[in-house]
Amino acid sequence: MDLLRHLRHFVLVARELHFGRAAELLGMAQPPLSQSIQRLERELEVELFDRSRRQIRLTTSGELLLGEAEELLAGEGRLRNLMRQVRAGVLGVLRAGVPPDTPAVRLHALLDRLAERAPGLDVELHELTSGEQLRMLAERRLDVGLVHHPVEAEGLRFGAPVDVPLGVLLPRTSPLARQREVELAALAGLDLVTAPRATAPGWHDHLLEVCRRQGFPAARVRPAHNPEFLFGLVLAGGAVAIEPATTARREPRIAWRPITGTPLLKRTSAVWPERSAHPAAPMFAQVSAEVSAEVEPALAAPAAPAQRPWPVLFDAPG
């Protein structure tokens, strides 16, 4: 028995106290409506209407049922609406990963924008390397992530990429800081401070290869997890870093200079499972791309979500 359907019929008849008008409002013939009420009465083993007079009236049982039925049907409506919001990705918990080098201003803007778009969504943010994110996505311990390219992955979808121009971080006291732009070849003999390879192996290898091709085979590659440690190594002399302009804003004694010639770009995109994805994953990807393009001097590529990583030449404009 479809109890909710019969209760809907009952509530409308109880409000109208007229089978004909109720049937018209329901868009059905009167006989099936009368049969529906009779079946409900048999199921509940009570009489809901007093039919002994020309104008039907609710019995005591009917009056008691009406309030309960209206509350039950209202609850069903709330439940359906709740599930619609869950399917739309605006309710529930979203487990999201972001790289350790995500600028605070970008992170703040991302969380604010997500709260505006989906105030009922609980974004559970985790600081994870690209490799850790890919592993946790495969293990279904993460719903969506932000990774640095290039990456090797199967069964994932990628959001629109954002390419951020990189420049050279060096002490403001360095002679190179007096130049408007710096050639990579001018850095020959210096150490390169960068994130450990494990954080994003594809990007790490690509960066070293681009530097080598352009005349800067780093004397030593010095890993730095923490921006403060990176700044300390650069300020000590004998080392530079290649980072977005936003990184230099954290330390007034550090200068950022664009690289001469073809821009060197760092590509980031959202990534989530191709199958059984969290409903909010595409929205997270869109918001992340929007925020990145607004907060950083980014070159946002207008690409649709793709099943596989796109071909990338990070040291050439797309």
Protein backbone atom coordinates (compact mmCIF):
# COMPACT_ATOMS: atom_id res chain seq x y z
CA MET A 1 0.00 0.00 0.00
CA ASP A 2 1.26 3.45 -0.94
CA LEU A 3 0.38 5.07 2.38
CA LEU A 4 1.66 8.53 1.48
CA ARG A 5 -0.42 8.65 -1.70
CA HIS A 6 -3.58 7.64 0.18
CA LEU A 7 -2.81 10.18 2.89
CA ARG A 8 -2.48 12.93 0.28
CA HIS A 9 -5.92 11.98 -1.03
CA PHE A 10 -7.33 11.97 2.49
CA VAL A 11 -5.90 15.38 3.41
CA LEU A 12 -7.37 17.04 0.33
CA VAL A 13 -10.80 15.49 0.87
CA ALA A 14 -10.65 16.50 4.54
CA ARG A 15 -9.88 20.09 3.58
CA GLU A 16 -12.56 20.30 0.90
CA LEU A 17 -15.14 18.06 2.62
CA HIS A 18 -16.27 17.23 -0.89
CA PHE A 19 -15.10 14.24 -2.95
CA GLY A 20 -15.93 15.88 -6.27
CA ARG A 21 -13.92 19.05 -5.66
CA ALA A 22 -11.03 17.07 -4.20
CA ALA A 23 -10.99 14.76 -7.21
CA GLU A 24 -10.93 17.75 -9.55
CA LEU A 25 -8.00 19.30 -7.67
CA LEU A 26 -6.14 15.99 -7.81
CA GLY A 27 -6.82 15.62 -11.52
CA MET A 28 -8.55 12.26 -11.11
CA ALA A 29 -12.05 10.84 -11.32
CA GLN A 30 -14.18 10.67 -8.19
CA PRO A 31 -14.64 6.86 -8.03
CA PRO A 32 -10.89 6.09 -7.75
CA LEU A 33 -10.58 8.79 -5.06
CA SER A 34 -13.45 7.26 -3.06
CA GLN A 35 -11.81 3.84 -3.41
CA SER A 36 -8.50 5.28 -2.17
CA ILE A 37 -10.16 6.66 0.99
CA GLN A 38 -11.98 3.38 1.59
CA ARG A 39 -8.76 1.44 1.26
CA LEU A 40 -7.08 3.76 3.77
CA GLU A 41 -9.97 3.23 6.18
CA ARG A 42 -9.66 -0.54 5.82
CA GLU A 43 -5.92 -0.35 6.37
CA LEU A 44 -6.31 1.75 9.54
CA GLU A 45 -9.49 -0.07 10.62
CA VAL A 46 -11.38 3.17 11.32
CA GLU A 47 -13.95 5.37 9.60
CA LEU A 48 -12.47 8.71 8.64
CA PHE A 49 -15.59 10.40 7.28
CA ASP A 50 -19.19 10.50 8.41
CA ARG A 51 -21.08 9.92 5.17
CA SER A 52 -24.55 9.72 6.74
CA ARG A 53 -25.39 13.31 5.83
CA ARG A 54 -25.44 15.22 2.58
CA GLN A 55 -22.28 17.10 3.60
CA ILE A 56 -19.54 14.71 4.66
CA ARG A 57 -17.79 15.40 7.94
CA LEU A 58 -14.64 14.15 9.60
CA THR A 59 -15.07 11.60 12.33
CA THR A 60 -13.05 11.88 15.52
CA SER A 61 -10.57 9.44 13.99
CA GLY A 62 -10.44 11.56 10.86
CA GLU A 63 -9.77 14.75 12.84
CA LEU A 64 -6.94 13.07 14.72
CA LEU A 65 -5.47 11.64 11.53
CA LEU A 66 -5.61 14.96 9.66
CA GLY A 67 -3.06 16.70 11.88
CA GLU A 68 -0.72 13.71 11.88
CA ALA A 69 -1.06 13.24 8.11
CA GLU A 70 -0.31 16.90 7.39
CA GLU A 71 2.78 16.75 9.60
CA LEU A 72 3.94 13.51 7.95
CA LEU A 73 3.48 14.89 4.44
CA ALA A 74 5.27 18.12 5.37
CA GLY A 75 8.13 16.01 6.72
CA GLU A 76 8.24 14.06 3.48
CA GLY A 77 8.54 17.33 1.57
CA ARG A 78 11.38 18.49 3.79
CA LEU A 79 13.11 15.14 3.38
CA ARG A 80 12.87 15.26 -0.40
CA ASN A 81 14.15 18.83 -0.44
CA LEU A 82 17.03 17.84 1.83
CA MET A 83 18.01 14.99 -0.48
CA ARG A 84 17.78 17.30 -3.51
CA GLN A 85 20.26 19.62 -1.83
CA VAL A 86 22.57 16.71 -1.03
CA ARG A 87 22.42 15.57 -4.67
CA ALA A 88 23.16 19.13 -5.78
CA GLY A 89 26.24 19.18 -3.55
CA VAL A 90 25.14 22.06 -1.34
CA LEU A 91 24.77 19.96 1.82
CA GLY A 92 26.92 17.36 3.53
CA VAL A 93 30.68 17.05 3.93
CA LEU A 94 33.21 17.63 1.13
CA ARG A 95 36.71 16.27 1.79
CA ALA A 96 39.04 18.49 -0.23
CA GLY A 97 42.82 18.58 -0.60
CA VAL A 98 45.01 21.61 -1.33
CA PRO A 99 48.78 21.82 -1.91
CA PRO A 100 50.98 23.03 0.97
CA ASP A 101 52.11 26.03 -1.09
CA THR A 102 48.59 27.39 -1.55
CA PRO A 103 48.76 31.13 -0.71
CA ALA A 104 46.74 32.17 2.34
CA VAL A 105 44.90 34.84 0.35
CA ARG A 106 43.79 32.25 -2.20
CA LEU A 107 42.75 29.78 0.49
CA HIS A 108 40.75 32.42 2.32
CA ALA A 109 39.00 33.49 -0.88
CA LEU A 110 38.25 29.87 -1.79
CA LEU A 111 36.59 29.11 1.55
CA ASP A 112 34.63 32.37 1.49
CA ARG A 113 33.34 31.73 -2.03
CA LEU A 114 32.36 28.14 -1.20
CA ALA A 115 30.45 29.36 1.86
CA GLU A 116 28.57 31.82 -0.37
CA ARG A 117 27.71 29.20 -3.01
CA ALA A 118 26.84 26.38 -0.62
CA PRO A 119 26.31 27.61 2.96
CA GLY A 120 25.14 24.16 4.07
CA LEU A 121 28.26 22.40 2.78
CA ASP A 122 30.91 21.46 5.34
CA VAL A 123 34.26 21.71 3.52
CA GLU A 124 36.78 19.50 5.29
CA LEU A 125 40.08 20.89 4.01
CA HIS A 126 43.35 18.92 4.11
CA GLU A 127 46.87 20.17 3.34
CA LEU A 128 48.29 17.46 1.07
CA THR A 129 50.91 17.13 -1.65
CA SER A 130 49.77 16.32 -5.17
CA GLY A 131 50.95 12.73 -4.76
CA GLU A 132 49.09 12.32 -1.48
CA GLN A 133 45.93 13.73 -3.02
CA LEU A 134 46.05 11.37 -5.99
CA ARG A 135 46.53 8.39 -3.69
CA MET A 136 43.70 9.41 -1.36
CA LEU A 137 41.39 10.06 -4.31
CA ALA A 138 42.09 6.55 -5.58
CA GLU A 139 41.40 5.16 -2.09
CA ARG A 140 38.18 7.21 -1.83
CA ARG A 141 39.47 9.00 1.25
CA LEU A 142 39.26 12.35 -0.55
CA ASP A 143 36.45 13.79 -2.69
CA VAL A 144 38.30 16.47 -4.64
CA GLY A 145 41.77 17.98 -4.75
CA LEU A 146 43.97 20.69 -6.24
CA VAL A 147 47.12 19.34 -7.87
CA HIS A 148 50.14 20.69 -9.72
CA HIS A 149 50.74 19.36 -13.22
CA PRO A 150 52.00 17.32 -14.90
CA VAL A 151 50.41 14.29 -13.21
CA GLU A 152 49.92 10.69 -14.22
CA ALA A 153 46.47 9.44 -13.24
CA GLU A 154 43.66 7.19 -14.45
CA GLY A 155 39.95 7.34 -13.68
CA LEU A 156 39.98 11.02 -12.77
CA ARG A 157 38.41 14.18 -14.13
CA PHE A 158 40.24 17.49 -14.23
CA GLY A 159 38.77 20.95 -13.88
CA ALA A 160 39.74 24.01 -15.90
CA PRO A 161 43.46 24.68 -15.40
CA VAL A 162 44.96 27.89 -14.10
CA ASP A 163 48.48 28.75 -15.27
CA VAL A 164 50.33 31.10 -12.90
CA PRO A 165 53.45 32.90 -14.19
CA LEU A 166 56.57 32.26 -12.14
CA GLY A 167 59.46 34.56 -11.45
CA VAL A 168 62.74 34.61 -9.56
CA LEU A 169 62.85 35.23 -5.81
CA LEU A 170 66.11 36.85 -4.71
CA PRO A 171 67.30 39.24 -2.01
CA ARG A 172 66.50 42.90 -2.66
CA THR A 173 70.20 43.56 -2.11
CA SER A 174 71.15 41.34 -5.06
CA PRO A 175 72.40 43.14 -8.20
CA LEU A 176 69.91 41.06 -10.19
CA ALA A 177 67.07 42.67 -8.22
CA ARG A 178 67.88 45.97 -9.97
CA GLN A 179 66.79 44.48 -13.29
CA ARG A 180 63.18 44.53 -14.51
CA GLU A 181 63.52 40.94 -15.71
CA VAL A 182 66.00 38.15 -15.03
CA GLU A 183 67.34 35.59 -17.47
CA LEU A 184 67.53 32.08 -16.07
CA ALA A 185 71.05 31.80 -17.48
CA ALA A 186 72.08 34.68 -15.20
CA LEU A 187 71.39 32.41 -12.22
CA ALA A 188 74.04 29.86 -13.21
CA GLY A 189 76.13 28.77 -10.26
CA LEU A 190 73.41 29.49 -7.70
CA ASP A 191 71.40 26.97 -5.70
CA LEU A 192 67.70 26.50 -6.40
CA VAL A 193 65.36 26.35 -3.41
CA THR A 194 62.11 24.54 -4.17
CA ALA A 195 59.55 22.22 -2.63
CA PRO A 196 60.71 18.63 -2.09
CA ARG A 197 60.24 16.39 -5.11
CA ALA A 198 57.77 14.20 -3.22
CA THR A 199 55.24 17.04 -3.06
CA ALA A 200 54.74 17.09 -6.86
CA PRO A 201 57.25 14.86 -8.71
CA GLY A 202 56.05 15.78 -12.20
CA TRP A 203 56.29 19.51 -11.59
CA HIS A 204 59.64 19.22 -9.76
CA ASP A 205 61.26 17.34 -12.64
CA HIS A 206 59.77 19.69 -15.21
CA LEU A 207 61.05 22.79 -13.40
CA LEU A 208 64.61 21.46 -13.21
CA GLU A 209 64.52 20.49 -16.89
CA VAL A 210 63.29 23.94 -17.97
CA CYS A 211 66.00 25.62 -15.86
CA ARG A 212 68.67 23.35 -17.35
CA ARG A 213 67.52 24.02 -20.92
CA GLN A 214 67.63 27.77 -20.34
CA GLY A 215 71.13 27.82 -18.92
CA PHE A 216 70.50 27.40 -15.21
CA PRO A 217 71.59 23.93 -14.09
CA ALA A 218 71.26 24.55 -10.37
CA ALA A 219 74.45 24.04 -8.40
CA ARG A 220 72.35 22.36 -5.74
CA VAL A 221 68.63 21.75 -5.35
CA ARG A 222 67.70 22.60 -1.78
CA PRO A 223 64.30 21.34 -0.62
CA ALA A 224 62.13 23.61 1.51
CA HIS A 225 58.75 22.66 2.95
CA ASN A 226 58.14 25.91 4.78
CA PRO A 227 58.09 29.35 3.08
CA GLU A 228 60.04 30.83 6.01
CA PHE A 229 62.81 28.30 5.46
CA LEU A 230 62.79 29.10 1.74
CA PHE A 231 63.09 32.83 2.48
CA GLY A 232 65.92 32.19 4.92
CA LEU A 233 67.96 30.25 2.37
CA VAL A 234 67.41 32.91 -0.30
CA LEU A 235 68.26 35.79 2.05
CA ALA A 236 71.43 34.01 3.17
CA GLY A 237 72.75 34.41 -0.39
CA GLY A 238 73.87 31.93 -2.98
CA ALA A 239 70.36 30.64 -3.66
CA VAL A 240 67.21 31.67 -5.50
CA ALA A 241 63.69 30.30 -5.78
CA ILE A 242 61.26 30.25 -8.69
CA GLU A 243 57.77 30.98 -7.41
CA PRO A 244 54.59 33.00 -8.10
CA ALA A 245 54.61 36.69 -7.23
CA THR A 246 52.24 36.05 -4.31
CA THR A 247 55.02 34.17 -2.49
CA ALA A 248 57.28 37.24 -2.38
CA ARG A 249 54.58 39.35 -0.73
CA ARG A 250 55.12 37.47 2.52
CA GLU A 251 58.70 38.76 2.97
CA PRO A 252 59.57 42.44 2.32
CA ARG A 253 63.30 41.70 2.00
CA ILE A 254 62.63 39.42 -0.98
CA ALA A 255 62.25 40.72 -4.54
CA TRP A 256 60.30 38.99 -7.31
CA ARG A 257 61.38 39.50 -10.90
CA PRO A 258 59.75 38.07 -14.04
CA ILE A 259 61.77 35.67 -16.16
CA THR A 260 63.01 37.07 -19.47
CA GLY A 261 61.47 35.63 -22.60
CA THR A 262 58.88 32.88 -22.69
CA PRO A 263 56.92 32.84 -19.41
CA LEU A 264 57.41 29.89 -17.11
CA LEU A 265 53.98 28.79 -15.92
CA LYS A 266 52.88 26.63 -13.03
CA ARG A 267 49.64 24.80 -13.81
CA THR A 268 47.13 23.80 -11.15
CA SER A 269 43.71 22.25 -11.52
CA ALA A 270 41.05 20.54 -9.48
CA VAL A 271 40.76 16.77 -9.79
CA TRP A 272 38.09 14.32 -8.67
CA PRO A 273 37.03 10.70 -9.38
CA GLU A 274 35.44 10.09 -12.76
CA ARG A 275 32.90 7.67 -11.27
CA SER A 276 30.66 8.11 -8.23
CA ALA A 277 31.95 11.64 -7.76
CA HIS A 278 30.82 13.87 -4.92
CA PRO A 279 28.06 16.18 -6.25
CA ALA A 280 29.98 19.24 -5.04
CA ALA A 281 33.27 18.35 -6.78
CA PRO A 282 32.56 20.21 -10.05
CA MET A 283 31.42 23.27 -8.09
CA PHE A 284 34.63 23.17 -6.02
CA ALA A 285 36.64 22.99 -9.25
CA GLN A 286 34.83 25.96 -10.76
CA VAL A 287 35.15 28.10 -7.63
CA SER A 288 38.83 27.23 -7.28
CA ALA A 289 39.56 28.29 -10.86
CA GLU A 290 37.60 31.52 -10.40
CA VAL A 291 39.41 32.40 -7.18
CA SER A 292 42.83 31.57 -8.59
CA ALA A 293 42.27 33.79 -11.61
CA GLU A 294 41.13 36.66 -9.39
CA VAL A 295 43.68 36.41 -6.59
CA GLU A 296 46.84 35.60 -8.54
CA PRO A 297 48.11 37.14 -11.80
CA ALA A 298 46.99 33.96 -13.50
CA LEU A 299 46.54 32.99 -17.10
CA ALA A 300 43.38 30.91 -16.81
CA ALA A 301 42.90 28.46 -19.68
CA PRO A 302 39.21 28.20 -20.69
CA ALA A 303 39.15 24.42 -20.76
CA ALA A 304 36.21 22.15 -20.01
CA PRO A 305 36.64 19.32 -17.50
CA ALA A 306 38.59 16.49 -19.10
CA GLN A 307 38.95 12.81 -18.32
CA ARG A 308 42.72 12.83 -18.76
CA PRO A 309 45.42 15.47 -18.26
CA TRP A 310 45.90 17.68 -21.29
CA PRO A 311 49.21 18.02 -23.12
CA VAL A 312 51.18 20.71 -21.32
CA LEU A 313 54.14 22.88 -22.26
CA PHE A 314 54.51 24.82 -19.04
CA ASP A 315 57.35 26.95 -20.32
CA ALA A 316 55.32 28.24 -23.27
CA PRO A 317 52.06 30.21 -23.37
CA GLY A 318 48.99 28.06 -24.06
